[in-house]
């Protein structure tokens, strides 16, 4: 599944993983077009943020 970041980048969802130091924390693992891997806590990945005076999702799923 692909997601678009609010700044325009396209990222591929890799998996959801548990944080070793706190297994209750779910981390989203995703990769960029350049092959780099990134991770964010699930609540941050899917949170609503303020951008240019509007409330938007940080990442939004792209219909395939």
N, C-alpha and C. Protein backbone atom coordinates (compact mmCIF):
# COMPACT_ATOMS: atom_id res chain seq x y z
N UNK A 1 0.85 -1.17 0.00
CA UNK A 1 0.00 0.00 0.00
C UNK A 1 0.90 1.24 0.00
N UNK A 2 0.47 2.25 -0.71
CA UNK A 2 1.24 3.48 -0.78
C UNK A 2 0.52 4.60 -0.03
N UNK A 3 1.33 5.52 0.50
CA UNK A 3 0.81 6.68 1.21
C UNK A 3 1.48 7.93 0.67
N UNK A 4 0.73 9.03 0.63
CA UNK A 4 1.28 10.33 0.23
C UNK A 4 1.45 11.16 1.50
N UNK A 5 2.65 11.68 1.70
CA UNK A 5 2.94 12.59 2.82
C UNK A 5 2.33 13.95 2.49
N UNK A 6 1.95 14.71 3.49
CA UNK A 6 1.31 16.00 3.23
C UNK A 6 2.20 16.95 2.44
N UNK A 7 3.53 16.72 2.44
CA UNK A 7 4.44 17.55 1.64
C UNK A 7 4.60 17.02 0.22
N UNK A 8 3.95 15.86 -0.09
CA UNK A 8 3.92 15.37 -1.46
C UNK A 8 4.66 14.08 -1.74
N UNK A 9 5.56 13.65 -0.88
CA UNK A 9 6.32 12.43 -1.13
C UNK A 9 5.43 11.19 -1.10
N UNK A 10 5.80 10.18 -1.88
CA UNK A 10 5.08 8.91 -1.92
C UNK A 10 5.93 7.86 -1.21
N UNK A 11 5.28 7.11 -0.31
CA UNK A 11 5.98 6.11 0.49
C UNK A 11 5.24 4.79 0.46
N UNK A 12 5.99 3.70 0.49
CA UNK A 12 5.41 2.36 0.53
C UNK A 12 5.38 1.87 1.97
N UNK A 13 4.21 1.42 2.40
CA UNK A 13 4.05 0.80 3.71
C UNK A 13 4.77 -0.54 3.69
N UNK A 14 5.60 -0.81 4.69
CA UNK A 14 6.31 -2.08 4.79
C UNK A 14 5.61 -2.98 5.79
N UNK A 15 5.44 -2.49 7.03
CA UNK A 15 4.80 -3.30 8.06
C UNK A 15 4.54 -2.44 9.30
N UNK A 16 3.76 -3.00 10.20
CA UNK A 16 3.59 -2.44 11.53
C UNK A 16 4.42 -3.31 12.45
N UNK A 17 5.16 -2.71 13.37
CA UNK A 17 6.05 -3.45 14.26
C UNK A 17 5.89 -2.95 15.69
N UNK A 18 6.20 -3.83 16.64
CA UNK A 18 6.17 -3.44 18.04
C UNK A 18 7.53 -2.87 18.43
N UNK A 19 7.51 -1.85 19.23
CA UNK A 19 8.74 -1.24 19.74
C UNK A 19 9.30 -2.14 20.84
N UNK A 20 10.54 -2.55 20.73
CA UNK A 20 11.14 -3.51 21.67
C UNK A 20 11.07 -3.01 23.10
N UNK A 21 11.36 -1.75 23.33
CA UNK A 21 11.38 -1.22 24.69
C UNK A 21 9.99 -0.99 25.28
N UNK A 22 8.97 -0.98 24.42
CA UNK A 22 7.58 -0.81 24.87
C UNK A 22 6.68 -1.50 23.85
N UNK A 23 6.42 -2.80 24.00
CA UNK A 23 5.64 -3.56 23.01
C UNK A 23 4.22 -3.03 22.77
N UNK A 24 3.73 -2.15 23.63
CA UNK A 24 2.41 -1.56 23.40
C UNK A 24 2.47 -0.47 22.32
N UNK A 25 3.66 0.02 22.02
CA UNK A 25 3.83 1.05 20.99
C UNK A 25 3.98 0.39 19.63
N UNK A 26 3.07 0.71 18.72
CA UNK A 26 3.12 0.19 17.36
C UNK A 26 3.84 1.21 16.49
N UNK A 27 4.85 0.72 15.77
CA UNK A 27 5.62 1.56 14.86
C UNK A 27 5.25 1.21 13.42
N UNK A 28 5.14 2.21 12.58
CA UNK A 28 4.90 2.00 11.16
C UNK A 28 6.25 2.09 10.45
N UNK A 29 6.58 1.06 9.69
CA UNK A 29 7.82 1.03 8.92
C UNK A 29 7.44 1.29 7.46
N UNK A 30 8.13 2.23 6.84
CA UNK A 30 7.82 2.59 5.45
C UNK A 30 9.09 2.95 4.72
N UNK A 31 9.02 2.92 3.40
CA UNK A 31 10.21 3.18 2.60
C UNK A 31 9.93 4.27 1.56
N UNK A 32 10.97 5.03 1.27
CA UNK A 32 10.89 6.11 0.28
C UNK A 32 11.36 5.61 -1.08
N UNK A 33 11.15 6.40 -2.09
CA UNK A 33 11.54 6.04 -3.46
C UNK A 33 13.04 5.79 -3.59
N UNK A 34 13.85 6.44 -2.74
CA UNK A 34 15.30 6.25 -2.82
C UNK A 34 15.78 4.98 -2.10
N UNK A 35 14.82 4.20 -1.56
CA UNK A 35 15.16 2.95 -0.90
C UNK A 35 15.42 3.08 0.59
N UNK A 36 15.40 4.29 1.12
CA UNK A 36 15.62 4.46 2.56
C UNK A 36 14.40 4.02 3.35
N UNK A 37 14.65 3.49 4.53
CA UNK A 37 13.57 3.03 5.41
C UNK A 37 13.37 4.03 6.54
N UNK A 38 12.11 4.20 6.93
CA UNK A 38 11.74 5.14 7.98
C UNK A 38 10.75 4.48 8.91
N UNK A 39 10.64 5.02 10.11
CA UNK A 39 9.66 4.53 11.05
C UNK A 39 9.11 5.68 11.89
N UNK A 40 7.85 5.57 12.22
CA UNK A 40 7.18 6.54 13.10
C UNK A 40 6.19 5.77 13.96
N UNK A 41 5.93 6.28 15.16
CA UNK A 41 4.86 5.67 15.94
C UNK A 41 3.54 5.76 15.16
N UNK A 42 2.72 4.72 15.28
CA UNK A 42 1.46 4.67 14.54
C UNK A 42 0.62 5.92 14.74
N UNK A 43 0.53 6.42 15.97
CA UNK A 43 -0.31 7.59 16.23
C UNK A 43 0.24 8.85 15.55
N UNK A 44 1.54 8.91 15.34
CA UNK A 44 2.14 10.05 14.63
C UNK A 44 1.93 9.89 13.13
N UNK A 45 2.13 8.69 12.62
CA UNK A 45 1.95 8.43 11.18
C UNK A 45 0.56 8.84 10.72
N UNK A 46 -0.46 8.52 11.52
CA UNK A 46 -1.85 8.78 11.12
C UNK A 46 -2.45 10.04 11.72
N UNK A 47 -1.66 10.86 12.41
CA UNK A 47 -2.24 12.02 13.07
C UNK A 47 -2.63 13.14 12.11
N UNK A 48 -3.52 13.98 12.59
CA UNK A 48 -3.91 15.19 11.88
C UNK A 48 -2.95 16.30 12.32
N UNK A 49 -2.49 17.11 11.36
CA UNK A 49 -1.56 18.19 11.66
C UNK A 49 -2.04 19.48 11.01
N UNK A 50 -1.49 20.59 11.45
CA UNK A 50 -1.76 21.89 10.83
C UNK A 50 -0.72 22.15 9.76
N UNK A 51 -1.18 22.50 8.55
CA UNK A 51 -0.26 22.82 7.44
C UNK A 51 -0.91 23.90 6.59
N UNK A 52 -0.23 25.02 6.43
CA UNK A 52 -0.75 26.14 5.65
C UNK A 52 -2.14 26.55 6.10
N UNK A 53 -2.36 26.55 7.41
CA UNK A 53 -3.64 27.00 7.96
C UNK A 53 -4.77 25.99 7.85
N UNK A 54 -4.46 24.76 7.43
CA UNK A 54 -5.49 23.73 7.30
C UNK A 54 -5.10 22.53 8.15
N UNK A 55 -6.10 21.77 8.58
CA UNK A 55 -5.86 20.52 9.28
C UNK A 55 -5.88 19.40 8.26
N UNK A 56 -4.77 18.68 8.16
CA UNK A 56 -4.63 17.60 7.17
C UNK A 56 -4.00 16.38 7.84
N UNK A 57 -4.18 15.21 7.21
CA UNK A 57 -3.50 14.01 7.69
C UNK A 57 -2.03 14.07 7.29
N UNK A 58 -1.16 13.61 8.18
CA UNK A 58 0.29 13.58 7.86
C UNK A 58 0.52 12.68 6.66
N UNK A 59 -0.07 11.49 6.64
CA UNK A 59 0.00 10.56 5.51
C UNK A 59 -1.43 10.16 5.14
N UNK A 60 -1.70 10.04 3.86
CA UNK A 60 -3.00 9.57 3.40
C UNK A 60 -2.80 8.45 2.41
N UNK A 61 -3.59 7.39 2.56
CA UNK A 61 -3.49 6.25 1.66
C UNK A 61 -3.86 6.66 0.24
N UNK A 62 -3.13 6.12 -0.71
CA UNK A 62 -3.39 6.38 -2.13
C UNK A 62 -4.20 5.21 -2.66
N UNK A 63 -5.32 5.48 -3.29
CA UNK A 63 -6.14 4.41 -3.88
C UNK A 63 -5.36 3.73 -4.99
N UNK A 64 -5.42 2.40 -4.94
CA UNK A 64 -4.71 1.64 -5.99
C UNK A 64 -5.70 0.97 -6.90
